[in-house]
């Protein structure tokens, strides 16, 4: 398994970046975690590569 992290200063920007990543047909999403500290927001995606 692998992780991918994203940070952004705005929710729409974070949403766009996460949505682009999870569109990848060669990965299987295991979990997505979200955190919103005071000045920014972030997401961590736990995924694994699909076997061909």
C-alpha atoms as a PDB file:
ATOM      1  CA  UNK A   1       0.000   0.000   0.000  1.00  0.00           C
ATOM      2  CA  UNK A   2       1.000   3.569  -0.580  1.00  0.00           C
ATOM      3  CA  UNK A   3      -0.112   7.003   0.593  1.00  0.00           C
ATOM      4  CA  UNK A   4      -0.593  10.297  -1.198  1.00  0.00           C
ATOM      5  CA  UNK A   5      -1.012  13.520   0.734  1.00  0.00           C
ATOM      6  CA  UNK A   6      -2.477  16.819  -0.400  1.00  0.00           C
ATOM      7  CA  UNK A   7      -2.473  20.243   1.280  1.00  0.00           C
ATOM      8  CA  UNK A   8      -4.257  23.349   0.170  1.00  0.00           C
ATOM      9  CA  UNK A   9      -5.343  26.736   1.451  1.00  0.00           C
ATOM     10  CA  UNK A  10      -8.896  26.284   0.136  1.00  0.00           C
ATOM     11  CA  UNK A  11     -11.436  23.473   0.087  1.00  0.00           C
ATOM     12  CA  UNK A  12     -12.300  23.768  -3.647  1.00  0.00           C
ATOM     13  CA  UNK A  13      -8.633  23.466  -4.568  1.00  0.00           C
ATOM     14  CA  UNK A  14      -8.180  20.430  -2.318  1.00  0.00           C
ATOM     15  CA  UNK A  15     -11.341  18.820  -3.713  1.00  0.00           C
ATOM     16  CA  UNK A  16     -10.127  19.301  -7.272  1.00  0.00           C
ATOM     17  CA  UNK A  17      -6.693  17.806  -6.581  1.00  0.00           C
ATOM     18  CA  UNK A  18      -8.097  14.788  -4.701  1.00  0.00           C
ATOM     19  CA  UNK A  19     -10.755  14.148  -7.367  1.00  0.00           C
ATOM     20  CA  UNK A  20      -8.138  14.216 -10.127  1.00  0.00           C
ATOM     21  CA  UNK A  21      -5.999  11.698  -8.234  1.00  0.00           C
ATOM     22  CA  UNK A  22      -8.796   9.228  -7.496  1.00  0.00           C
ATOM     23  CA  UNK A  23      -9.884   9.171 -11.171  1.00  0.00           C
ATOM     24  CA  UNK A  24      -6.792   7.095 -11.915  1.00  0.00           C
ATOM     25  CA  UNK A  25      -8.123   3.678 -13.051  1.00  0.00           C
ATOM     26  CA  UNK A  26      -4.897   1.869 -12.093  1.00  0.00           C
ATOM     27  CA  UNK A  27      -5.314   2.452  -8.343  1.00  0.00           C
ATOM     28  CA  UNK A  28      -7.697   1.100  -5.736  1.00  0.00           C
ATOM     29  CA  UNK A  29      -8.600   3.522  -2.943  1.00  0.00           C
ATOM     30  CA  UNK A  30      -8.452   1.947   0.517  1.00  0.00           C
ATOM     31  CA  UNK A  31      -9.170   5.008   2.686  1.00  0.00           C
ATOM     32  CA  UNK A  32      -9.297   8.802   2.557  1.00  0.00           C
ATOM     33  CA  UNK A  33      -8.690  10.914   5.650  1.00  0.00           C
ATOM     34  CA  UNK A  34      -9.314  14.627   5.899  1.00  0.00           C
ATOM     35  CA  UNK A  35      -7.973  17.195   8.335  1.00  0.00           C
ATOM     36  CA  UNK A  36      -8.637  20.902   8.601  1.00  0.00           C
ATOM     37  CA  UNK A  37      -6.246  22.755  10.897  1.00  0.00           C
ATOM     38  CA  UNK A  38      -6.674  26.493  11.377  1.00  0.00           C
ATOM     39  CA  UNK A  39      -4.902  27.847   8.260  1.00  0.00           C
ATOM     40  CA  UNK A  40      -5.160  25.103   5.651  1.00  0.00           C
ATOM     41  CA  UNK A  41      -6.728  21.743   4.889  1.00  0.00           C
ATOM     42  CA  UNK A  42      -5.286  18.403   3.946  1.00  0.00           C
ATOM     43  CA  UNK A  43      -6.168  14.933   2.783  1.00  0.00           C
ATOM     44  CA  UNK A  44      -4.343  11.636   2.945  1.00  0.00           C
ATOM     45  CA  UNK A  45      -5.268   8.870   0.543  1.00  0.00           C
ATOM     46  CA  UNK A  46      -4.310   5.286   1.280  1.00  0.00           C
ATOM     47  CA  UNK A  47      -4.288   3.294  -1.959  1.00  0.00           C
ATOM     48  CA  UNK A  48      -2.797   0.318  -3.715  1.00  0.00           C
ATOM     49  CA  UNK A  49      -1.856  -0.276  -7.311  1.00  0.00           C
ATOM     50  CA  UNK A  50      -4.177  -2.618  -9.192  1.00  0.00           C
ATOM     51  CA  UNK A  51      -2.513  -5.696 -10.592  1.00  0.00           C
ATOM     52  CA  UNK A  52      -2.600  -5.987 -14.360  1.00  0.00           C
END
